Amino acid sequence: MSQTHGDSIPSLQLNHVHSKSLESIPQIELADLPIDVIRQIFGQEKDADISDLAITVEKLQVPSSNEQAINVEVYRPKSAAPEAILPVLLY
């Protein structure tokens, strides 16, 4: 998957984070993520409507690493449980 629509958007890699010892950092707002990054996380087309998604984004520190993982939980308005939990590692 190549990125052609901007050099300011970080490339995203799926990374399974299982450690319970990750240190929580204050939550970042959805507005802090560029809409293109959000679409890339969820594999949406550029013109897809993602306005019905309520997204909780928690920034986490990865032990022994300078990299930061972002754990994203996706909720549909009519669902009480997350449909998907996508840990994403930003380089």
PDB file of N, CA and C in Angstrom:
ATOM      1  N   MET A   1       0.853  -1.187   0.000  1.00  0.00           N
ATOM      2  CA  MET A   1       0.000   0.000   0.000  1.00  0.00           C
ATOM      3  C   MET A   1       0.886   1.234   0.000  1.00  0.00           C
ATOM      4  N   SER A   2       0.890   1.963  -1.087  1.00  0.00           N
ATOM      5  CA  SER A   2       1.744   3.135  -1.182  1.00  0.00           C
ATOM      6  C   SER A   2       0.958   4.380  -0.836  1.00  0.00           C
ATOM      7  N   GLN A   3       1.680   5.358  -0.358  1.00  0.00           N
ATOM      8  CA  GLN A   3       1.034   6.593   0.055  1.00  0.00           C
ATOM      9  C   GLN A   3       1.411   7.699  -0.918  1.00  0.00           C
ATOM     10  N   THR A   4       0.398   8.319  -1.534  1.00  0.00           N
ATOM     11  CA  THR A   4       0.691   9.308  -2.560  1.00  0.00           C
ATOM     12  C   THR A   4       0.028  10.639  -2.275  1.00  0.00           C
ATOM     13  N   HIS A   5      -0.752  10.735  -1.197  1.00  0.00           N
ATOM     14  CA  HIS A   5      -1.533  11.944  -1.000  1.00  0.00           C
ATOM     15  C   HIS A   5      -0.978  12.865   0.080  1.00  0.00           C
ATOM     16  N   GLY A   6       0.283  12.700   0.482  1.00  0.00           N
ATOM     17  CA  GLY A   6       0.841  13.655   1.426  1.00  0.00           C
ATOM     18  C   GLY A   6       2.010  13.073   2.188  1.00  0.00           C
ATOM     19  N   ASP A   7       3.014  13.896   2.443  1.00  0.00           N
ATOM     20  CA  ASP A   7       4.170  13.391   3.171  1.00  0.00           C
ATOM     21  C   ASP A   7       4.053  13.698   4.661  1.00  0.00           C
ATOM     22  N   SER A   8       2.998  14.399   5.075  1.00  0.00           N
ATOM     23  CA  SER A   8       2.854  14.730   6.486  1.00  0.00           C
ATOM     24  C   SER A   8       2.055  13.671   7.234  1.00  0.00           C
ATOM     25  N   ILE A   9       1.484  12.705   6.504  1.00  0.00           N
ATOM     26  CA  ILE A   9       0.686  11.655   7.135  1.00  0.00           C
ATOM     27  C   ILE A   9       1.585  10.444   7.382  1.00  0.00           C
ATOM     28  N   PRO A  10       1.708  10.015   8.655  1.00  0.00           N
ATOM     29  CA  PRO A  10       2.582   8.877   8.938  1.00  0.00           C
ATOM     30  C   PRO A  10       2.031   7.596   8.345  1.00  0.00           C
ATOM     31  N   SER A  11       2.926   6.702   7.964  1.00  0.00           N
ATOM     32  CA  SER A  11       2.456   5.407   7.473  1.00  0.00           C
ATOM     33  C   SER A  11       2.066   4.565   8.684  1.00  0.00           C
ATOM     34  N   LEU A  12       1.011   3.799   8.532  1.00  0.00           N
ATOM     35  CA  LEU A  12       0.480   3.038   9.654  1.00  0.00           C
ATOM     36  C   LEU A  12       0.734   1.554   9.463  1.00  0.00           C
ATOM     37  N   GLN A  13       1.136   0.900  10.531  1.00  0.00           N
ATOM     38  CA  GLN A  13       1.366  -0.538  10.497  1.00  0.00           C
ATOM     39  C   GLN A  13       0.526  -1.163  11.605  1.00  0.00           C
ATOM     40  N   LEU A  14      -0.171  -2.247  11.285  1.00  0.00           N
ATOM     41  CA  LEU A  14      -0.906  -2.945  12.335  1.00  0.00           C
ATOM     42  C   LEU A  14       0.090  -3.645  13.248  1.00  0.00           C
ATOM     43  N   ASN A  15      -0.095  -3.474  14.531  1.00  0.00           N
ATOM     44  CA  ASN A  15       0.818  -4.046  15.503  1.00  0.00           C
ATOM     45  C   ASN A  15       0.001  -4.574  16.672  1.00  0.00           C
ATOM     46  N   HIS A  16       0.087  -5.870  16.931  1.00  0.00           N
ATOM     47  CA  HIS A  16      -0.702  -6.452  18.010  1.00  0.00           C
ATOM     48  C   HIS A  16      -0.011  -6.179  19.343  1.00  0.00           C
ATOM     49  N   VAL A  17      -0.666  -5.409  20.190  1.00  0.00           N
ATOM     50  CA  VAL A  17      -0.112  -5.053  21.490  1.00  0.00           C
ATOM     51  C   VAL A  17      -0.882  -5.826  22.552  1.00  0.00           C
ATOM     52  N   HIS A  18      -0.214  -6.801  23.185  1.00  0.00           N
ATOM     53  CA  HIS A  18      -0.889  -7.647  24.154  1.00  0.00           C
ATOM     54  C   HIS A  18      -0.488  -7.309  25.590  1.00  0.00           C
ATOM     55  N   SER A  19       0.565  -6.522  25.749  1.00  0.00           N
ATOM     56  CA  SER A  19       1.104  -6.287  27.083  1.00  0.00           C
ATOM     57  C   SER A  19       0.135  -5.491  27.948  1.00  0.00           C
ATOM     58  N   LYS A  20      -0.109  -5.992  29.161  1.00  0.00           N
ATOM     59  CA  LYS A  20      -0.963  -5.278  30.107  1.00  0.00           C
ATOM     60  C   LYS A  20      -0.156  -4.213  30.848  1.00  0.00           C
ATOM     61  N   SER A  21       1.160  -4.209  30.656  1.00  0.00           N
ATOM     62  CA  SER A  21       2.003  -3.299  31.416  1.00  0.00           C
ATOM     63  C   SER A  21       2.247  -1.981  30.690  1.00  0.00           C
ATOM     64  N   LEU A  22       1.542  -1.775  29.578  1.00  0.00           N
ATOM     65  CA  LEU A  22       1.716  -0.513  28.861  1.00  0.00           C
ATOM     66  C   LEU A  22       1.249   0.643  29.737  1.00  0.00           C
ATOM     67  N   GLU A  23       2.046   1.693  29.760  1.00  0.00           N
ATOM     68  CA  GLU A  23       1.711   2.838  30.594  1.00  0.00           C
ATOM     69  C   GLU A  23       0.776   3.769  29.829  1.00  0.00           C
ATOM     70  N   SER A  24      -0.382   4.040  30.415  1.00  0.00           N
ATOM     71  CA  SER A  24      -1.364   4.885  29.735  1.00  0.00           C
ATOM     72  C   SER A  24      -0.934   6.349  29.752  1.00  0.00           C
ATOM     73  N   ILE A  25      -1.132   6.995  28.633  1.00  0.00           N
ATOM     74  CA  ILE A  25      -0.899   8.431  28.485  1.00  0.00           C
ATOM     75  C   ILE A  25      -2.284   9.053  28.342  1.00  0.00           C
ATOM     76  N   PRO A  26      -2.478  10.323  28.668  1.00  0.00           N
ATOM     77  CA  PRO A  26      -3.802  10.924  28.504  1.00  0.00           C
ATOM     78  C   PRO A  26      -4.362  10.704  27.105  1.00  0.00           C
ATOM     79  N   GLN A  27      -5.676  10.537  27.026  1.00  0.00           N
ATOM     80  CA  GLN A  27      -6.312  10.270  25.743  1.00  0.00           C
ATOM     81  C   GLN A  27      -6.112  11.436  24.785  1.00  0.00           C
ATOM     82  N   ILE A  28      -5.966  11.108  23.499  1.00  0.00           N
ATOM     83  CA  ILE A  28      -5.933  12.151  22.485  1.00  0.00           C
ATOM     84  C   ILE A  28      -7.295  12.186  21.816  1.00  0.00           C
ATOM     85  N   GLU A  29      -7.704  13.368  21.411  1.00  0.00           N
ATOM     86  CA  GLU A  29      -9.015  13.525  20.797  1.00  0.00           C
ATOM     87  C   GLU A  29      -8.985  13.023  19.362  1.00  0.00           C
ATOM     88  N   LEU A  30     -10.132  12.572  18.893  1.00  0.00           N
ATOM     89  CA  LEU A  30     -10.251  12.132  17.506  1.00  0.00           C
ATOM     90  C   LEU A  30      -9.846  13.260  16.559  1.00  0.00           C
ATOM     91  N   ALA A  31     -10.138  14.490  16.963  1.00  0.00           N
ATOM     92  CA  ALA A  31      -9.814  15.640  16.119  1.00  0.00           C
ATOM     93  C   ALA A  31      -8.302  15.809  15.940  1.00  0.00           C
ATOM     94  N   ASP A  32      -7.515  15.197  16.827  1.00  0.00           N
ATOM     95  CA  ASP A  32      -6.062  15.302  16.709  1.00  0.00           C
ATOM     96  C   ASP A  32      -5.511  14.434  15.591  1.00  0.00           C
ATOM     97  N   LEU A  33      -6.312  13.479  15.105  1.00  0.00           N
ATOM     98  CA  LEU A  33      -5.864  12.617  14.016  1.00  0.00           C
ATOM     99  C   LEU A  33      -6.385  13.151  12.691  1.00  0.00           C
ATOM    100  N   PRO A  34      -5.514  13.269  11.679  1.00  0.00           N
ATOM    101  CA  PRO A  34      -5.976  13.691  10.353  1.00  0.00           C
ATOM    102  C   PRO A  34      -7.001  12.700   9.814  1.00  0.00           C
ATOM    103  N   ILE A  35      -8.007  13.202   9.108  1.00  0.00           N
ATOM    104  CA  ILE A  35      -9.074  12.345   8.604  1.00  0.00           C
ATOM    105  C   ILE A  35      -8.516  11.265   7.680  1.00  0.00           C
ATOM    106  N   ASP A  36      -7.449  11.569   6.943  1.00  0.00           N
ATOM    107  CA  ASP A  36      -6.847  10.566   6.058  1.00  0.00           C
ATOM    108  C   ASP A  36      -6.245   9.417   6.860  1.00  0.00           C
ATOM    109  N   VAL A  37      -5.694   9.737   8.041  1.00  0.00           N
ATOM    110  CA  VAL A  37      -5.130   8.696   8.897  1.00  0.00           C
ATOM    111  C   VAL A  37      -6.244   7.804   9.427  1.00  0.00           C
ATOM    112  N   ILE A  38      -7.354   8.421   9.824  1.00  0.00           N
ATOM    113  CA  ILE A  38      -8.489   7.642  10.329  1.00  0.00           C
ATOM    114  C   ILE A  38      -9.010   6.714   9.247  1.00  0.00           C
ATOM    115  N   ARG A  39      -9.134   7.234   8.032  1.00  0.00           N
ATOM    116  CA  ARG A  39      -9.612   6.402   6.928  1.00  0.00           C
ATOM    117  C   ARG A  39      -8.630   5.272   6.641  1.00  0.00           C
ATOM    118  N   GLN A  40      -7.333   5.571   6.765  1.00  0.00           N
ATOM    119  CA  GLN A  40      -6.335   4.542   6.495  1.00  0.00           C
ATOM    120  C   GLN A  40      -6.401   3.441   7.556  1.00  0.00           C
ATOM    121  N   ILE A  41      -6.637   3.837   8.800  1.00  0.00           N
ATOM    122  CA  ILE A  41      -6.733   2.859   9.880  1.00  0.00           C
ATOM    123  C   ILE A  41      -7.860   1.874   9.607  1.00  0.00           C
ATOM    124  N   PHE A  42      -8.984   2.380   9.128  1.00  0.00           N
ATOM    125  CA  PHE A  42     -10.160   1.537   8.946  1.00  0.00           C
ATOM    126  C   PHE A  42     -10.312   1.041   7.523  1.00  0.00           C
ATOM    127  N   GLY A  43      -9.327   1.313   6.670  1.00  0.00           N
ATOM    128  CA  GLY A  43      -9.362   0.805   5.311  1.00  0.00           C
ATOM    129  C   GLY A  43     -10.497   1.384   4.487  1.00  0.00           C
ATOM    130  N   GLN A  44     -10.890   2.600   4.800  1.00  0.00           N
ATOM    131  CA  GLN A  44     -11.998   3.221   4.085  1.00  0.00           C
ATOM    132  C   GLN A  44     -11.505   3.844   2.786  1.00  0.00           C
ATOM    133  N   GLU A  45     -12.404   3.909   1.820  1.00  0.00           N
ATOM    134  CA  GLU A  45     -12.097   4.646   0.598  1.00  0.00           C
ATOM    135  C   GLU A  45     -12.050   6.134   0.931  1.00  0.00           C
ATOM    136  N   LYS A  46     -11.415   6.911   0.056  1.00  0.00           N
ATOM    137  CA  LYS A  46     -11.203   8.324   0.349  1.00  0.00           C
ATOM    138  C   LYS A  46     -12.515   9.076   0.549  1.00  0.00           C
ATOM    139  N   ASP A  47     -13.582   8.647  -0.153  1.00  0.00           N
ATOM    140  CA  ASP A  47     -14.852   9.360  -0.046  1.00  0.00           C
ATOM    141  C   ASP A  47     -15.852   8.645   0.864  1.00  0.00           C
ATOM    142  N   ALA A  48     -15.376   7.660   1.626  1.00  0.00           N
ATOM    143  CA  ALA A  48     -16.289   6.896   2.477  1.00  0.00           C
ATOM    144  C   ALA A  48     -16.812   7.760   3.620  1.00  0.00           C
ATOM    145  N   ASP A  49     -18.035   7.482   4.032  1.00  0.00           N
ATOM    146  CA  ASP A  49     -18.637   8.218   5.140  1.00  0.00           C
ATOM    147  C   ASP A  49     -18.318   7.503   6.444  1.00  0.00           C
ATOM    148  N   ILE A  50     -17.490   8.139   7.278  1.00  0.00           N
ATOM    149  CA  ILE A  50     -17.146   7.524   8.558  1.00  0.00           C
ATOM    150  C   ILE A  50     -17.739   8.339   9.701  1.00  0.00           C
ATOM    151  N   SER A  51     -18.704   9.209   9.385  1.00  0.00           N
ATOM    152  CA  SER A  51     -19.253  10.096  10.410  1.00  0.00           C
ATOM    153  C   SER A  51     -20.085   9.341  11.439  1.00  0.00           C
ATOM    154  N   ASP A  52     -20.498   8.098  11.128  1.00  0.00           N
ATOM    155  CA  ASP A  52     -21.303   7.345  12.087  1.00  0.00           C
ATOM    156  C   ASP A  52     -20.449   6.566  13.078  1.00  0.00           C
ATOM    157  N   LEU A  53     -19.143   6.691  12.977  1.00  0.00           N
ATOM    158  CA  LEU A  53     -18.257   5.991  13.902  1.00  0.00           C
ATOM    159  C   LEU A  53     -17.924   6.886  15.089  1.00  0.00           C
ATOM    160  N   ALA A  54     -18.021   6.334  16.270  1.00  0.00           N
ATOM    161  CA  ALA A  54     -17.506   7.009  17.454  1.00  0.00           C
ATOM    162  C   ALA A  54     -16.217   6.288  17.821  1.00  0.00           C
ATOM    163  N   ILE A  55     -15.125   7.023  17.859  1.00  0.00           N
ATOM    164  CA  ILE A  55     -13.819   6.383  17.990  1.00  0.00           C
ATOM    165  C   ILE A  55     -13.121   6.865  19.266  1.00  0.00           C
ATOM    166  N   THR A  56     -12.698   5.912  20.072  1.00  0.00           N
ATOM    167  CA  THR A  56     -11.904   6.233  21.248  1.00  0.00           C
ATOM    168  C   THR A  56     -10.448   5.909  20.931  1.00  0.00           C
ATOM    169  N   VAL A  57      -9.599   6.890  21.077  1.00  0.00           N
ATOM    170  CA  VAL A  57      -8.196   6.696  20.751  1.00  0.00           C
ATOM    171  C   VAL A  57      -7.374   6.913  22.013  1.00  0.00           C
ATOM    172  N   GLU A  58      -6.613   5.916  22.369  1.00  0.00           N
ATOM    173  CA  GLU A  58      -5.781   6.010  23.559  1.00  0.00           C
ATOM    174  C   GLU A  58      -4.324   5.867  23.151  1.00  0.00           C
ATOM    175  N   LYS A  59      -3.541   6.859  23.489  1.00  0.00           N
ATOM    176  CA  LYS A  59      -2.125   6.809  23.140  1.00  0.00           C
ATOM    177  C   LYS A  59      -1.377   6.056  24.240  1.00  0.00           C
ATOM    178  N   LEU A  60      -0.564   5.103  23.839  1.00  0.00           N
ATOM    179  CA  LEU A  60       0.164   4.269  24.788  1.00  0.00           C
ATOM    180  C   LEU A  60       1.658   4.333  24.515  1.00  0.00           C
ATOM    181  N   GLN A  61       2.439   4.173  25.565  1.00  0.00           N
ATOM    182  CA  GLN A  61       3.879   4.055  25.404  1.00  0.00           C
ATOM    183  C   GLN A  61       4.242   2.581  25.326  1.00  0.00           C
ATOM    184  N   VAL A  62       5.122   2.248  24.407  1.00  0.00           N
ATOM    185  CA  VAL A  62       5.595   0.874  24.298  1.00  0.00           C
ATOM    186  C   VAL A  62       6.882   0.751  25.118  1.00  0.00           C
ATOM    187  N   PRO A  63       6.925  -0.186  26.072  1.00  0.00           N
ATOM    188  CA  PRO A  63       8.123  -0.336  26.907  1.00  0.00           C
ATOM    189  C   PRO A  63       9.370  -0.613  26.068  1.00  0.00           C
ATOM    190  N   SER A  64      10.498  -0.077  26.502  1.00  0.00           N
ATOM    191  CA  SER A  64      11.787  -0.286  25.842  1.00  0.00           C
ATOM    192  C   SER A  64      11.764   0.153  24.386  1.00  0.00           C
ATOM    193  N   SER A  65      11.042   1.211  24.110  1.00  0.00           N
ATOM    194  CA  SER A  65      10.953   1.668  22.728  1.00  0.00           C
ATOM    195  C   SER A  65      10.593   3.143  22.697  1.00  0.00           C
ATOM    196  N   ASN A  66      11.088   3.838  21.677  1.00  0.00           N
ATOM    197  CA  ASN A  66      10.718   5.233  21.488  1.00  0.00           C
ATOM    198  C   ASN A  66       9.449   5.366  20.663  1.00  0.00           C
ATOM    199  N   GLU A  67       8.965   4.222  20.138  1.00  0.00           N
ATOM    200  CA  GLU A  67       7.769   4.261  19.310  1.00  0.00           C
ATOM    201  C   GLU A  67       6.535   4.381  20.194  1.00  0.00           C
ATOM    202  N   GLN A  68       5.476   4.942  19.645  1.00  0.00           N
ATOM    203  CA  GLN A  68       4.227   5.064  20.382  1.00  0.00           C
ATOM    204  C   GLN A  68       3.144   4.295  19.656  1.00  0.00           C
ATOM    205  N   ALA A  69       2.417   3.486  20.400  1.00  0.00           N
ATOM    206  CA  ALA A  69       1.294   2.753  19.816  1.00  0.00           C
ATOM    207  C   ALA A  69       0.013   3.513  20.115  1.00  0.00           C
ATOM    208  N   ILE A  70      -0.902   3.478  19.186  1.00  0.00           N
ATOM    209  CA  ILE A  70      -2.214   4.073  19.405  1.00  0.00           C
ATOM    210  C   ILE A  70      -3.238   2.950  19.344  1.00  0.00           C
ATOM    211  N   ASN A  71      -3.961   2.778  20.442  1.00  0.00           N
ATOM    212  CA  ASN A  71      -4.989   1.745  20.498  1.00  0.00           C
ATOM    213  C   ASN A  71      -6.323   2.395  20.144  1.00  0.00           C
ATOM    214  N   VAL A  72      -6.966   1.900  19.099  1.00  0.00           N
ATOM    215  CA  VAL A  72      -8.190   2.505  18.596  1.00  0.00           C
ATOM    216  C   VAL A  72      -9.346   1.531  18.784  1.00  0.00           C
ATOM    217  N   GLU A  73     -10.380   1.971  19.484  1.00  0.00           N
ATOM    218  CA  GLU A  73     -11.571   1.152  19.644  1.00  0.00           C
ATOM    219  C   GLU A  73     -12.705   1.803  18.866  1.00  0.00           C
ATOM    220  N   VAL A  74     -13.382   1.012  18.038  1.00  0.00           N
ATOM    221  CA  VAL A  74     -14.430   1.531  17.169  1.00  0.00           C
ATOM    222  C   VAL A  74     -15.791   1.132  17.718  1.00  0.00           C
ATOM    223  N   TYR A  75     -16.659   2.101  17.876  1.00  0.00           N
ATOM    224  CA  TYR A  75     -18.012   1.833  18.344  1.00  0.00           C
ATOM    225  C   TYR A  75     -19.014   2.323  17.305  1.00  0.00           C
ATOM    226  N   ARG A  76     -20.007   1.512  17.017  1.00  0.00           N
ATOM    227  CA  ARG A  76     -21.149   1.975  16.230  1.00  0.00           C
ATOM    228  C   ARG A  76     -22.165   2.561  17.214  1.00  0.00           C
ATOM    229  N   PRO A  77     -22.892   3.597  16.818  1.00  0.00           N
ATOM    230  CA  PRO A  77     -23.841   4.246  17.730  1.00  0.00           C
ATOM    231  C   PRO A  77     -24.854   3.266  18.345  1.00  0.00           C
ATOM    232  N   LYS A  78     -25.262   2.237  17.600  1.00  0.00           N
ATOM    233  CA  LYS A  78     -26.295   1.327  18.094  1.00  0.00           C
ATOM    234  C   LYS A  78     -25.708   0.116  18.816  1.00  0.00           C
ATOM    235  N   SER A  79     -24.410   0.101  19.015  1.00  0.00           N
ATOM    236  CA  SER A  79     -23.768  -1.053  19.631  1.00  0.00           C
ATOM    237  C   SER A  79     -23.114  -0.649  20.948  1.00  0.00           C
ATOM    238  N   ALA A  80     -23.250  -1.491  21.960  1.00  0.00           N
ATOM    239  CA  ALA A  80     -22.648  -1.187  23.254  1.00  0.00           C
ATOM    240  C   ALA A  80     -21.226  -1.722  23.356  1.00  0.00           C
ATOM    241  N   ALA A  81     -20.864  -2.619  22.452  1.00  0.00           N
ATOM    242  CA  ALA A  81     -19.538  -3.236  22.502  1.00  0.00           C
ATOM    243  C   ALA A  81     -18.723  -2.828  21.278  1.00  0.00           C
ATOM    244  N   PRO A  82     -17.405  -2.749  21.434  1.00  0.00           N
ATOM    245  CA  PRO A  82     -16.569  -2.393  20.280  1.00  0.00           C
ATOM    246  C   PRO A  82     -16.640  -3.460  19.199  1.00  0.00           C
ATOM    247  N   GLU A  83     -16.751  -3.014  17.960  1.00  0.00           N
ATOM    248  CA  GLU A  83     -16.748  -3.956  16.843  1.00  0.00           C
ATOM    249  C   GLU A  83     -15.330  -4.392  16.514  1.00  0.00           C
ATOM    250  N   ALA A  84     -14.389  -3.499  16.744  1.00  0.00           N
ATOM    251  CA  ALA A  84     -13.007  -3.807  16.397  1.00  0.00           C
ATOM    252  C   ALA A  84     -12.082  -3.039  17.319  1.00  0.00           C
ATOM    253  N   ILE A  85     -10.986  -3.664  17.685  1.00  0.00           N
ATOM    254  CA  ILE A  85      -9.920  -2.981  18.416  1.00  0.00           C
ATOM    255  C   ILE A  85      -8.663  -3.114  17.567  1.00  0.00           C
ATOM    256  N   LEU A  86      -8.161  -1.976  17.115  1.00  0.00           N
ATOM    257  CA  LEU A  86      -7.048  -1.991  16.169  1.00  0.00           C
ATOM    258  C   LEU A  86      -5.842  -1.275  16.755  1.00  0.00           C
ATOM    259  N   PRO A  87      -4.923  -2.004  17.385  1.00  0.00           N
ATOM    260  CA  PRO A  87      -3.696  -1.349  17.815  1.00  0.00           C
ATOM    261  C   PRO A  87      -2.861  -0.966  16.594  1.00  0.00           C
ATOM    262  N   VAL A  88      -2.428   0.280  16.549  1.00  0.00           N
ATOM    263  CA  VAL A  88      -1.689   0.784  15.394  1.00  0.00           C
ATOM    264  C   VAL A  88      -0.387   1.400  15.883  1.00  0.00           C
ATOM    265  N   LEU A  89       0.684   1.082  15.214  1.00  0.00           N
ATOM    266  CA  LEU A  89       1.980   1.629  15.597  1.00  0.00           C
ATOM    267  C   LEU A  89       2.368   2.730  14.627  1.00  0.00           C
ATOM    268  N   LEU A  90       2.598   3.929  15.143  1.00  0.00           N
ATOM    269  CA  LEU A  90       3.024   5.050  14.308  1.00  0.00           C
ATOM    270  C   LEU A  90       4.545   5.144  14.339  1.00  0.00           C
ATOM    271  N   TYR A  91       5.145   5.213  13.166  1.00  0.00           N
ATOM    272  CA  TYR A  91       6.595   5.337  13.098  1.00  0.00           C
ATOM    273  C   TYR A  91       6.979   6.782  12.890  1.00  0.00           C
TER     274      TYR A  91
END
